[in-house]
Protein backbone atom coordinates (compact mmCIF):
# COMPACT_ATOMS: atom_id res chain seq x y z
CA MET A 1 -1.29 -14.99 -9.28
CA ASP A 2 1.97 -15.37 -8.84
CA ALA A 3 2.49 -14.28 -4.59
CA SER A 4 5.76 -12.55 -4.63
CA LEU A 5 6.94 -9.14 -4.80
CA PRO A 6 9.48 -8.59 -7.02
CA LYS A 7 11.60 -4.81 -7.64
CA SER A 8 8.98 -4.38 -10.62
CA GLU A 9 5.88 -3.92 -8.70
CA ARG A 10 7.60 -1.43 -6.09
CA LEU A 11 7.01 1.88 -7.02
CA CYS A 12 10.06 4.40 -6.77
CA GLY A 13 11.35 7.81 -7.83
CA LEU A 14 11.08 10.88 -6.62
CA LYS A 15 9.01 11.74 -10.64
CA ALA A 16 5.91 8.64 -9.50
CA VAL A 17 5.63 9.60 -6.27
CA GLY A 18 5.03 13.16 -6.73
CA GLU A 19 2.37 12.37 -9.62
CA LEU A 20 0.93 10.14 -6.96
CA PHE A 21 0.87 12.96 -3.87
CA GLN A 22 -0.86 15.72 -6.58
CA THR A 23 -3.48 13.40 -8.71
CA GLY A 24 -3.68 10.17 -6.39
CA LYS A 25 -7.47 9.72 -4.79
CA SER A 26 -7.26 9.09 -1.43
CA ALA A 27 -8.31 5.56 0.94
CA SER A 28 -8.71 4.75 4.61
CA ALA A 29 -8.93 1.43 6.61
CA GLY A 30 -8.60 1.58 10.49
CA CYS A 31 -4.51 1.66 10.66
CA LEU A 32 -3.78 2.38 7.01
CA ARG A 33 -4.32 5.62 4.74
CA CYS A 34 -3.42 5.18 1.08
CA LYS A 35 -3.15 7.23 -2.24
CA PHE A 36 -3.85 4.96 -4.75
CA LEU A 37 -3.25 6.04 -9.17
CA LEU A 38 -4.95 4.51 -11.58
CA ARG A 39 -2.38 4.40 -14.43
CA GLY A 40 -5.36 2.62 -17.29
CA ASP A 41 -1.60 0.29 -19.11
CA TRP A 42 -1.83 -3.87 -17.91
CA GLU A 43 1.25 -3.37 -16.45
CA ALA A 44 1.88 -4.44 -12.87
CA SER A 45 0.49 -2.47 -10.50
CA ARG A 46 3.40 -0.78 -7.87
CA MET A 47 3.29 -0.10 -4.18
CA VAL A 48 5.54 1.91 -1.78
CA VAL A 49 4.46 1.38 2.27
CA SER A 50 5.71 4.84 4.33
CA VAL A 51 5.46 4.39 8.41
CA PRO A 52 6.45 7.49 9.93
CA LYS A 53 9.50 8.11 11.88
CA ARG A 54 6.96 11.24 14.32
CA SER A 55 5.10 8.26 15.26
CA PHE A 56 7.68 5.08 15.91
CA LYS A 57 11.15 7.35 16.86
CA ARG A 58 13.17 3.59 15.79
CA ALA A 59 13.75 1.81 13.21
CA VAL A 60 13.19 -1.62 14.22
CA LYS A 61 9.50 -0.48 15.16
CA ARG A 62 9.75 1.02 11.52
CA ASN A 63 10.72 -2.00 9.66
CA LEU A 64 8.61 -4.28 11.45
CA LEU A 65 5.25 -2.11 10.71
CA LYS A 66 6.67 -2.08 7.13
CA ARG A 67 7.55 -6.16 6.50
CA ARG A 68 3.99 -6.47 8.09
CA ILE A 69 2.23 -4.11 5.29
CA ARG A 70 4.22 -5.60 2.32
CA GLU A 71 3.17 -9.21 3.55
CA SER A 72 -0.57 -8.50 3.60
CA TYR A 73 -0.51 -6.62 0.24
CA ARG A 74 1.90 -9.34 -0.96
CA ARG A 75 -0.43 -12.30 0.16
CA GLN A 76 -3.86 -9.97 -1.16
CA LYS A 77 -2.43 -8.88 -4.19
CA ALA A 78 -4.40 -10.19 -6.44
CA LEU A 79 -8.05 -8.34 -5.11
CA LEU A 80 -6.08 -5.03 -6.98
CA GLY A 81 -5.54 -5.61 -10.52
CA PRO A 82 -3.26 -4.20 -12.65
CA GLY A 83 -2.32 -0.77 -13.33
CA VAL A 84 -2.60 1.01 -10.21
CA ASP A 85 0.52 2.19 -8.26
CA ILE A 86 -0.33 2.52 -4.09
CA LEU A 87 0.97 4.56 -1.56
CA PHE A 88 0.68 2.91 2.41
CA ILE A 89 0.72 5.82 5.44
CA TYR A 90 0.41 3.46 8.43
CA THR A 91 -1.11 6.00 10.68
CA SER A 92 -2.29 3.69 14.65
CA ALA A 93 0.12 5.65 17.17
CA GLU A 94 1.01 1.60 18.19
CA VAL A 95 2.51 -1.30 16.42
CA LEU A 96 -0.47 -3.55 15.92
CA PRO A 97 -0.63 -6.90 15.11
CA TYR A 98 -0.07 -8.86 11.83
CA GLU A 99 -4.15 -10.02 11.17
CA VAL A 100 -5.39 -6.56 12.54
CA ILE A 101 -3.07 -4.83 9.40
CA TYR A 102 -3.85 -7.92 6.77
CA ALA A 103 -7.92 -6.38 7.64
CA HIS A 104 -7.12 -3.56 6.98
CA MET A 105 -5.29 -4.03 3.71
CA THR A 106 -8.22 -6.08 3.07
CA GLU A 107 -10.74 -3.97 3.10
CA LEU A 108 -8.71 -0.57 1.13
CA LEU A 109 -7.55 -3.63 -1.49
CA SER A 110 -11.10 -4.84 -1.73
CA GLY A 111 -12.56 -1.26 -2.43
CA ILE A 112 -9.25 0.46 -4.73
CA GLY A 113 -10.91 -2.80 -7.10
CA HIS A 114 -14.34 -1.93 -6.78
CA ALA A 115 -12.96 1.56 -8.20
CA SER A 116 -10.49 0.86 -10.49
CA HIS A 117 -13.59 -1.74 -12.28
CA THR A 118 -15.74 0.39 -12.87
C-alpha cells in the first residue's frame, strides 16, 4: 500500500467533521483519543488531527505534535482499511516522543481495523 498522505485522504469541511462528531464512535489509547465513522464505501480512509490550543499555547508545539501524529498514521494506515473517517485528538499535557505516539497509534488503528472488518 502507498505510504503517502494525499489531499484526498484528508478530512475537511464542516459538514463531514460535524457528521463525524454526531454519529461517530469513540476510542482511545494513551495520549490519543479518536472519533471514527465507518462510511461503508471502498474509497480511501480520511483523517484529521486536532491538538488543543488550551494545552499547548505555542503553535510550534502544536504543529510538531500534528506532524508526529500524521506521520505515525501515514506509516500504519494499512491497518485501518478503506472507508473510515477518523479524527485524532491529542490528550496528553506534555509533548511525547514520536515512538510513544507511534505505539498508541498502532493500538488505535488495529482496534478500529478489527471493528470495521466485523
